[in-house]
Amino acid sequence: MTSISTTSSTAPSTVTPPDSLQLLQGDAVVRATGILGLGAVAAIHLSQVVPTTEQTPGLGVAFVLLIVACCVLAVQLLHRGGRMVWAEVALLNAAAIGGFIFTRVVSTSFFDNQDVGNWSEGLGVVALFVEGLLVLLSVYALARLASARSSRGIASHNGHAS
């Protein structure tokens, strides 16, 4: 009696392992959330750029720079979500929060001399909320990237140990 052997091909699979697929899907969601948040920060400041520039041109220029930086970072996140981009998102939004605090504490003619003590300005509070969320999202994304990197390092180390 003849036996027929069926063997499967040993060609490399192009299917992404489940852990990698989950990481990629999670990365896409985190990046999309970052893009939306950056768009919100840009839109909030865009809505105030004309009156702000009329009252205090220095602060108006800072708003325009923030808007441009948000747009640039959103485009970068659209293409990749590396450590440098997320660090830049965190720093930009932390700086915006710092700027808000500065204009509420210090009276300067260059930046703002009318908002000292005005902690409840509606759009300013909304901007603070979104900027704070973006800082937290950036920290999460950086931790996630570090974890994925260390997991890959452990996996490749284990592969070479045998």
Protein backbone atom coordinates (compact mmCIF):
# COMPACT_ATOMS: atom_id res chain seq x y z
CA MET A 1 0.00 0.00 0.00
CA THR A 2 1.33 3.38 -0.93
CA SER A 3 1.19 6.18 1.49
CA ILE A 4 0.69 9.72 0.27
CA SER A 5 2.41 12.34 2.31
CA THR A 6 1.01 15.82 2.37
CA THR A 7 3.30 18.49 3.64
CA SER A 8 2.64 22.13 3.83
CA SER A 9 4.91 24.63 2.20
CA THR A 10 7.63 26.07 4.37
CA ALA A 11 7.63 29.38 2.51
CA PRO A 12 7.78 32.39 4.82
CA SER A 13 4.40 33.73 5.78
CA THR A 14 3.45 37.31 5.01
CA VAL A 15 0.73 37.25 7.64
CA THR A 16 1.42 39.61 10.50
CA PRO A 17 1.54 37.90 13.92
CA PRO A 18 -1.41 38.80 16.18
CA ASP A 19 0.74 40.79 18.64
CA SER A 20 2.24 42.87 15.83
CA LEU A 21 -1.17 43.41 14.26
CA GLN A 22 -2.60 44.65 17.57
CA LEU A 23 0.38 46.97 17.98
CA LEU A 24 -0.12 48.39 14.48
CA GLN A 25 -3.85 48.88 15.00
CA GLY A 26 -3.25 50.51 18.38
CA ASP A 27 -0.60 52.76 16.83
CA ALA A 28 -3.04 53.86 14.14
CA VAL A 29 -5.67 54.75 16.75
CA VAL A 30 -3.19 56.66 18.92
CA ARG A 31 -1.81 58.55 15.91
CA ALA A 32 -5.32 59.40 14.67
CA THR A 33 -6.24 60.68 18.13
CA GLY A 34 -3.08 62.80 18.14
CA ILE A 35 -3.91 64.22 14.72
CA LEU A 36 -7.42 65.17 15.84
CA GLY A 37 -6.09 66.73 19.04
CA LEU A 38 -3.51 68.77 17.17
CA GLY A 39 -6.22 69.90 14.77
CA ALA A 40 -8.35 70.98 17.73
CA VAL A 41 -5.50 73.00 19.27
CA ALA A 42 -4.85 74.65 15.89
CA ALA A 43 -8.57 75.43 15.38
CA ILE A 44 -8.98 76.89 18.87
CA HIS A 45 -6.04 79.23 18.38
CA LEU A 46 -7.02 80.05 14.78
CA SER A 47 -10.40 81.25 16.03
CA GLN A 48 -8.60 83.75 18.29
CA VAL A 49 -5.66 84.77 16.11
CA VAL A 50 -7.15 87.98 14.62
CA PRO A 51 -8.41 89.60 17.85
CA THR A 52 -5.29 88.45 19.69
CA THR A 53 -2.99 89.90 17.01
CA GLU A 54 -4.90 93.20 17.08
CA GLN A 55 -4.51 93.50 20.87
CA THR A 56 -1.03 92.03 21.34
CA PRO A 57 0.90 91.31 18.13
CA GLY A 58 3.56 89.26 19.93
CA LEU A 59 0.99 86.81 21.25
CA GLY A 60 -0.67 86.74 17.82
CA VAL A 61 2.64 85.66 16.28
CA ALA A 62 2.96 82.97 18.96
CA PHE A 63 -0.54 81.73 18.06
CA VAL A 64 0.38 81.53 14.36
CA LEU A 65 3.57 79.62 15.19
CA LEU A 66 1.58 77.22 17.38
CA ILE A 67 -0.98 76.68 14.60
CA VAL A 68 1.75 75.97 12.03
CA ALA A 69 3.59 73.63 14.41
CA CYS A 70 0.35 71.71 15.13
CA CYS A 71 -0.24 71.28 11.39
CA VAL A 72 3.32 70.12 10.74
CA LEU A 73 3.18 67.60 13.59
CA ALA A 74 -0.23 66.33 12.45
CA VAL A 75 1.22 65.64 8.99
CA GLN A 76 4.20 63.88 10.57
CA LEU A 77 1.86 61.71 12.65
CA LEU A 78 -0.06 60.87 9.51
CA HIS A 79 3.09 59.25 8.09
CA ARG A 80 4.76 57.85 11.18
CA GLY A 81 4.45 57.86 14.94
CA GLY A 82 8.05 57.65 16.07
CA ARG A 83 9.55 58.69 19.37
CA MET A 84 10.80 62.05 18.08
CA VAL A 85 7.39 63.09 16.74
CA TRP A 86 5.61 62.17 19.98
CA ALA A 87 8.26 63.98 22.02
CA GLU A 88 7.68 67.07 19.86
CA VAL A 89 3.90 66.81 20.36
CA ALA A 90 4.43 66.63 24.14
CA LEU A 91 6.87 69.56 24.20
CA LEU A 92 4.74 71.76 21.95
CA ASN A 93 1.63 71.27 24.05
CA ALA A 94 3.50 71.62 27.34
CA ALA A 95 4.90 74.91 26.00
CA ALA A 96 1.37 76.06 25.06
CA ILE A 97 0.18 75.25 28.58
CA GLY A 98 3.18 77.13 29.95
CA GLY A 99 2.34 80.10 27.74
CA PHE A 100 -1.23 80.19 29.04
CA ILE A 101 0.00 80.11 32.63
CA PHE A 102 2.62 82.80 31.88
CA THR A 103 0.02 85.19 30.44
CA ARG A 104 -2.19 84.67 33.50
CA VAL A 105 0.60 85.34 35.99
CA VAL A 106 2.90 87.90 34.35
CA SER A 107 1.80 91.18 32.78
CA THR A 108 3.89 92.05 29.73
CA SER A 109 3.17 94.49 26.94
CA PHE A 110 4.70 92.13 24.35
CA PHE A 111 2.61 89.04 25.05
CA ASP A 112 -0.47 89.95 27.02
CA ASN A 113 -1.32 92.47 29.69
CA GLN A 114 -5.09 92.02 29.91
CA ASP A 115 -5.42 88.39 30.96
CA VAL A 116 -3.52 88.38 34.25
CA GLY A 117 -5.72 86.50 36.69
CA ASN A 118 -8.26 85.51 34.01
CA TRP A 119 -8.15 81.74 34.55
CA SER A 120 -11.70 81.08 33.35
CA GLU A 121 -11.51 82.34 29.75
CA GLY A 122 -13.65 79.80 27.85
CA LEU A 123 -11.50 78.90 24.85
CA GLY A 124 -8.34 79.09 26.96
CA VAL A 125 -9.73 76.41 29.30
CA VAL A 126 -10.75 74.24 26.33
CA ALA A 127 -7.27 74.66 24.83
CA LEU A 128 -5.68 73.70 28.16
CA PHE A 129 -7.82 70.57 28.32
CA VAL A 130 -6.91 69.42 24.79
CA GLU A 131 -3.24 70.34 25.23
CA GLY A 132 -3.12 68.44 28.52
CA LEU A 133 -4.69 65.40 26.87
CA LEU A 134 -2.10 65.59 24.08
CA VAL A 135 0.73 65.64 26.61
CA LEU A 136 -0.75 62.55 28.30
CA LEU A 137 -1.33 60.86 24.92
CA SER A 138 2.28 61.54 23.98
CA VAL A 139 3.55 60.01 27.21
CA TYR A 140 1.36 56.96 26.53
CA ALA A 141 2.61 56.68 22.94
CA LEU A 142 6.24 57.00 24.05
CA ALA A 143 5.75 54.31 26.72
CA ARG A 144 4.05 52.06 24.18
CA LEU A 145 6.92 52.51 21.72
CA ALA A 146 9.48 51.79 24.43
CA SER A 147 7.60 48.66 25.45
CA ALA A 148 7.38 47.43 21.85
CA ARG A 149 11.06 48.16 21.34
CA SER A 150 12.09 46.25 24.45
CA SER A 151 9.81 43.34 23.47
CA ARG A 152 11.46 43.16 20.06
CA GLY A 153 14.87 43.29 21.71
CA ILE A 154 13.98 40.42 24.04
CA ALA A 155 12.50 38.39 21.17
CA SER A 156 15.55 38.86 18.96
CA HIS A 157 17.87 38.14 21.88
CA ASN A 158 15.96 34.93 22.62
CA GLY A 159 16.14 33.96 18.97
CA HIS A 160 19.93 34.27 18.94
CA ALA A 161 20.46 32.53 22.27
CA SER A 162 19.80 29.02 20.98
